[in-house]
N, C-alpha and C. Protein backbone atom coordinates (compact mmCIF):
# COMPACT_ATOMS: atom_id res chain seq x y z
N MET A 1 117.18 90.50 112.67
CA MET A 1 117.93 89.29 112.85
C MET A 1 117.45 88.19 111.88
N ARG A 2 116.20 88.27 111.44
CA ARG A 2 115.67 87.24 110.54
C ARG A 2 115.65 87.71 109.10
N ASN A 3 116.20 88.88 108.84
CA ASN A 3 116.28 89.44 107.49
C ASN A 3 114.92 89.60 106.82
N VAL A 4 113.90 89.94 107.60
CA VAL A 4 112.59 90.24 107.04
C VAL A 4 112.62 91.67 106.55
N PRO A 5 112.30 91.90 105.28
CA PRO A 5 112.35 93.27 104.77
C PRO A 5 111.30 94.15 105.46
N CYS A 6 111.73 95.34 105.82
CA CYS A 6 110.85 96.28 106.50
C CYS A 6 111.15 97.68 105.97
N LYS A 7 110.09 98.39 105.57
CA LYS A 7 110.24 99.76 105.09
C LYS A 7 109.46 100.68 106.00
N ALA A 8 110.03 101.87 106.26
CA ALA A 8 109.36 102.87 107.09
C ALA A 8 108.86 104.02 106.21
N GLU A 9 107.79 104.68 106.67
CA GLU A 9 107.23 105.83 105.96
C GLU A 9 106.99 105.52 104.49
N VAL A 10 106.24 104.47 104.24
CA VAL A 10 105.98 103.99 102.89
C VAL A 10 104.93 104.87 102.21
N PRO A 11 105.27 105.50 101.08
CA PRO A 11 104.28 106.34 100.38
C PRO A 11 103.15 105.50 99.81
N ILE A 12 101.93 106.04 99.92
CA ILE A 12 100.75 105.35 99.41
C ILE A 12 100.11 106.22 98.33
N ARG A 13 99.90 105.60 97.20
CA ARG A 13 99.31 106.28 96.04
C ARG A 13 97.79 106.19 96.11
N ALA A 14 97.10 107.25 95.68
CA ALA A 14 95.64 107.25 95.67
C ALA A 14 95.15 107.94 94.40
N GLU A 15 93.99 107.49 93.95
CA GLU A 15 93.33 108.10 92.79
C GLU A 15 91.97 108.59 93.22
N TYR A 16 91.59 109.78 92.73
CA TYR A 16 90.30 110.36 93.08
C TYR A 16 89.80 111.18 91.90
N LYS A 17 88.65 110.80 91.38
CA LYS A 17 88.01 111.50 90.26
C LYS A 17 88.98 111.75 89.10
N GLY A 18 89.73 110.71 88.74
CA GLY A 18 90.64 110.82 87.62
C GLY A 18 91.99 111.43 87.93
N LEU A 19 92.16 111.94 89.14
CA LEU A 19 93.45 112.51 89.54
C LEU A 19 94.26 111.45 90.29
N THR A 20 95.55 111.43 90.05
CA THR A 20 96.43 110.50 90.75
C THR A 20 97.35 111.28 91.67
N PHE A 21 97.38 110.86 92.92
CA PHE A 21 98.26 111.44 93.92
C PHE A 21 99.31 110.39 94.27
N GLU A 22 100.54 110.63 93.84
CA GLU A 22 101.60 109.64 94.04
C GLU A 22 101.89 109.41 95.52
N ILE A 23 101.85 110.47 96.31
CA ILE A 23 102.07 110.33 97.76
C ILE A 23 100.89 110.99 98.48
N ALA A 24 99.80 110.24 98.57
CA ALA A 24 98.60 110.76 99.24
C ALA A 24 98.70 110.53 100.75
N TYR A 25 99.30 109.43 101.14
CA TYR A 25 99.46 109.06 102.55
C TYR A 25 100.81 108.41 102.73
N ARG A 26 101.15 108.15 103.99
CA ARG A 26 102.37 107.40 104.31
C ARG A 26 102.06 106.41 105.43
N ALA A 27 102.28 105.15 105.14
CA ALA A 27 102.12 104.11 106.16
C ALA A 27 103.38 104.10 107.03
N ASP A 28 103.20 103.88 108.31
CA ASP A 28 104.35 103.88 109.22
C ASP A 28 105.35 102.79 108.87
N LEU A 29 104.86 101.56 108.70
CA LEU A 29 105.75 100.43 108.38
C LEU A 29 105.08 99.48 107.39
N LEU A 30 105.88 98.91 106.53
CA LEU A 30 105.45 97.82 105.66
C LEU A 30 106.44 96.68 105.88
N VAL A 31 105.96 95.59 106.43
CA VAL A 31 106.83 94.47 106.81
C VAL A 31 106.61 93.32 105.84
N GLY A 32 107.70 92.87 105.24
CA GLY A 32 107.65 91.73 104.33
C GLY A 32 106.76 91.97 103.12
N ASN A 33 106.53 93.21 102.78
CA ASN A 33 105.66 93.60 101.67
C ASN A 33 104.26 93.02 101.79
N ARG A 34 103.85 92.65 103.02
CA ARG A 34 102.53 92.06 103.25
C ARG A 34 101.78 92.69 104.41
N LEU A 35 102.49 93.10 105.44
CA LEU A 35 101.88 93.57 106.69
C LEU A 35 102.06 95.08 106.82
N VAL A 36 100.93 95.80 106.93
CA VAL A 36 100.96 97.25 107.14
C VAL A 36 100.81 97.50 108.64
N VAL A 37 101.73 98.27 109.19
CA VAL A 37 101.71 98.57 110.62
C VAL A 37 101.53 100.07 110.81
N GLU A 38 100.50 100.43 111.57
CA GLU A 38 100.26 101.84 111.90
C GLU A 38 100.51 102.01 113.39
N LEU A 39 101.39 102.94 113.73
CA LEU A 39 101.80 103.15 115.11
C LEU A 39 101.12 104.38 115.69
N LYS A 40 100.68 104.25 116.94
CA LYS A 40 100.03 105.35 117.64
C LYS A 40 100.58 105.41 119.06
N ALA A 41 100.44 106.58 119.67
CA ALA A 41 100.74 106.77 121.09
C ALA A 41 99.65 107.67 121.63
N VAL A 42 98.44 107.12 121.74
CA VAL A 42 97.27 107.88 122.14
C VAL A 42 96.61 107.22 123.35
N GLU A 43 95.87 108.03 124.10
CA GLU A 43 95.20 107.50 125.28
C GLU A 43 94.15 106.46 124.89
N TYR A 44 93.39 106.76 123.83
CA TYR A 44 92.36 105.84 123.36
C TYR A 44 92.48 105.68 121.85
N VAL A 45 92.42 104.45 121.39
CA VAL A 45 92.38 104.19 119.96
C VAL A 45 90.93 104.42 119.52
N LEU A 46 90.77 105.28 118.54
CA LEU A 46 89.44 105.64 118.05
C LEU A 46 89.12 104.91 116.76
N ASP A 47 87.85 104.95 116.37
CA ASP A 47 87.43 104.33 115.11
C ASP A 47 88.18 104.93 113.92
N VAL A 48 88.49 106.23 114.01
CA VAL A 48 89.18 106.89 112.91
C VAL A 48 90.59 106.31 112.70
N HIS A 49 91.22 105.84 113.76
CA HIS A 49 92.55 105.22 113.65
C HIS A 49 92.45 103.90 112.89
N GLU A 50 91.42 103.13 113.21
CA GLU A 50 91.23 101.86 112.50
C GLU A 50 90.83 102.11 111.04
N ALA A 51 90.02 103.14 110.81
CA ALA A 51 89.63 103.50 109.44
C ALA A 51 90.86 103.92 108.63
N GLN A 52 91.78 104.60 109.27
CA GLN A 52 93.02 105.01 108.61
C GLN A 52 93.79 103.77 108.14
N LEU A 53 93.94 102.80 109.01
CA LEU A 53 94.65 101.57 108.65
C LEU A 53 93.90 100.82 107.54
N LEU A 54 92.59 100.75 107.63
CA LEU A 54 91.81 100.07 106.58
C LEU A 54 91.99 100.76 105.23
N SER A 55 92.04 102.07 105.23
CA SER A 55 92.27 102.81 103.98
C SER A 55 93.63 102.47 103.41
N TYR A 56 94.65 102.44 104.25
CA TYR A 56 96.00 102.10 103.80
C TYR A 56 96.03 100.70 103.21
N LEU A 57 95.35 99.76 103.85
CA LEU A 57 95.32 98.38 103.35
C LEU A 57 94.66 98.32 101.98
N ARG A 58 93.52 98.97 101.84
CA ARG A 58 92.79 98.92 100.57
C ARG A 58 93.56 99.60 99.45
N LEU A 59 94.17 100.74 99.74
CA LEU A 59 94.90 101.47 98.71
C LEU A 59 96.14 100.72 98.23
N GLN A 60 96.70 99.87 99.09
CA GLN A 60 97.90 99.11 98.73
C GLN A 60 97.59 97.67 98.33
N ASP A 61 96.32 97.30 98.31
CA ASP A 61 95.91 95.92 98.02
C ASP A 61 96.58 94.94 98.96
N LYS A 62 96.60 95.28 100.23
CA LYS A 62 97.14 94.39 101.26
C LYS A 62 95.98 93.86 102.09
N ARG A 63 96.19 92.75 102.75
CA ARG A 63 95.13 92.09 103.50
C ARG A 63 95.30 92.20 105.01
N LEU A 64 96.53 92.31 105.49
CA LEU A 64 96.79 92.21 106.93
C LEU A 64 97.44 93.48 107.47
N GLY A 65 96.92 93.96 108.61
CA GLY A 65 97.49 95.14 109.24
C GLY A 65 97.48 95.03 110.75
N LEU A 66 98.36 95.80 111.37
CA LEU A 66 98.40 95.90 112.82
C LEU A 66 98.30 97.37 113.21
N LEU A 67 97.44 97.65 114.16
CA LEU A 67 97.34 98.98 114.74
C LEU A 67 97.93 98.85 116.14
N ILE A 68 99.06 99.50 116.37
CA ILE A 68 99.77 99.36 117.64
C ILE A 68 99.75 100.69 118.38
N ASN A 69 99.20 100.66 119.59
CA ASN A 69 99.17 101.84 120.45
C ASN A 69 100.17 101.65 121.59
N PHE A 70 101.13 102.56 121.69
CA PHE A 70 102.16 102.45 122.72
C PHE A 70 101.77 103.10 124.04
N HIS A 71 100.60 103.72 124.10
CA HIS A 71 100.17 104.41 125.32
C HIS A 71 99.35 103.47 126.20
N VAL A 72 99.90 102.30 126.49
CA VAL A 72 99.24 101.30 127.34
C VAL A 72 100.27 100.73 128.31
N ARG A 73 99.78 100.19 129.40
CA ARG A 73 100.68 99.62 130.41
C ARG A 73 101.40 98.39 129.86
N MET A 74 100.64 97.49 129.24
CA MET A 74 101.21 96.28 128.64
C MET A 74 101.02 96.39 127.13
N LEU A 75 102.10 96.29 126.37
CA LEU A 75 102.04 96.48 124.93
C LEU A 75 101.06 95.54 124.25
N ARG A 76 100.95 94.32 124.74
CA ARG A 76 100.02 93.36 124.11
C ARG A 76 98.57 93.85 124.15
N ASP A 77 98.26 94.73 125.10
CA ASP A 77 96.91 95.29 125.19
C ASP A 77 96.70 96.40 124.15
N GLY A 78 97.76 96.88 123.54
CA GLY A 78 97.65 97.97 122.58
C GLY A 78 97.75 97.51 121.13
N ILE A 79 97.67 96.21 120.89
CA ILE A 79 97.81 95.69 119.52
C ILE A 79 96.46 95.22 119.01
N LYS A 80 96.06 95.74 117.86
CA LYS A 80 94.82 95.31 117.21
C LYS A 80 95.17 94.80 115.83
N ARG A 81 94.75 93.59 115.54
CA ARG A 81 94.99 92.96 114.23
C ARG A 81 93.79 93.23 113.34
N VAL A 82 94.06 93.65 112.11
CA VAL A 82 93.00 93.97 111.16
C VAL A 82 93.23 93.15 109.90
N VAL A 83 92.19 92.44 109.45
CA VAL A 83 92.27 91.64 108.24
C VAL A 83 91.15 92.10 107.31
N THR A 84 91.49 92.36 106.04
CA THR A 84 90.50 92.76 105.06
C THR A 84 90.31 91.67 104.04
N GLU A 85 89.21 91.75 103.31
CA GLU A 85 88.98 90.85 102.20
C GLU A 85 89.35 91.56 100.93
N LEU A 86 90.05 90.90 100.05
CA LEU A 86 90.44 91.50 98.78
C LEU A 86 89.42 91.23 97.70
C-alpha cells in the first residue's frame, strides 16, 4: 500500500579464495533495498539462525536485518532486530 519495494528470494553473491559464486545464498526478503528479512518457523531460534542473517548482511553490505520466527504465540515475541557496523 505504501509502494515500498520488496524483493523475495534475493540471490546473494559470495567470493571465496578467488572464486566468485553468483548465487551462494538467497535472502528471504529485501525491503527497500536496505532491510534484509530472514523468515523462520522453528521452535527455538538458534545462534546459527542469527549468524545466517549476519552473513547475509555482510555479503550484501547492508546494515539492518530482521529475524522473524513465526512459531510463537505472539508474533512480536518472534522478531529480532539485528544491526551491523559497516
